[in-house]
């Protein structure tokens, strides 16, 4: 046991001594939110020099509007959100929030302004109250319950024998997929961010559960600047603009109906996704 503890200590000290690649500039200032828009200008990026992920990507998410990113796996959708969070710095180009380059503001203020509902929700082996409150640790019990009501999970929690004190298990294994997503939504509502990112938020759910959760997602995105990453195109037909990525480039952009009229890459993706859904309905 002592030997194992020494090995763990060594690993811990190695981790603590690791210097982060992304650091704040000496004169970095807190992000100031004004109208609330996001802009990518001629962004190029690669994780390794041999393979470029994003190629001259430019787009704007206007204040209070919803923009969706769609495309095949590996097209660069998730990379865009990592650059927005400044988990990486762009190779060239600019990522702006309200006209402020993300490299010129503090990482803390940047990440506090963005709320994410991810595909795989990370839950701690603690109570539901703790997991929702993680969105804003200083929140009161009343605020946590209000967030749960807005995410449409409050009544479900009250039906559990221990209510909000129910332990969710390791990574939330005691909750269903839909319940875990609603906890993530409640957590984001509690955080009250200026910008919302839905990163494949319902892709791991069945169609019926996905439809039930869509209203909760619509509530948190209302009048918020929202960026959606989606695999199922049916979840983004309401977006103000849809950007179609392929091999790191935006090859099409427009509304759902406009892209269908183009009858190109997006329309082909839409048709391919419709066929399995139609087959499932026929079987039922």
Foldseek 3Di string as FASTA:
>chain_A
DVVVVVVVVVVVVVVVPDDQPQAADPQAAFDDADQKKKWWAQFWADPDPVATQAGGDTDMQGQLFEEEEEEDPSLCQVVVVCCQLPSDDTPDTAIDIVRHGPNRHHSVNSVLQEAEQAQQFFAAQFFLLVLLCVLPVVDDPVLLLVLLVLLVCQVVQVVDPVRRRDGQPHRSPNDDLLNSSSSSLSSRVSSVHQEYEYHQNCVVDDPVSVVVRLVSVCSSSGSHRYYYYHHQVVSCQVGQKYFYGDSNYGPDMGHPVVVCVVVPDSVVSNVVVVVVVVVVVVVD
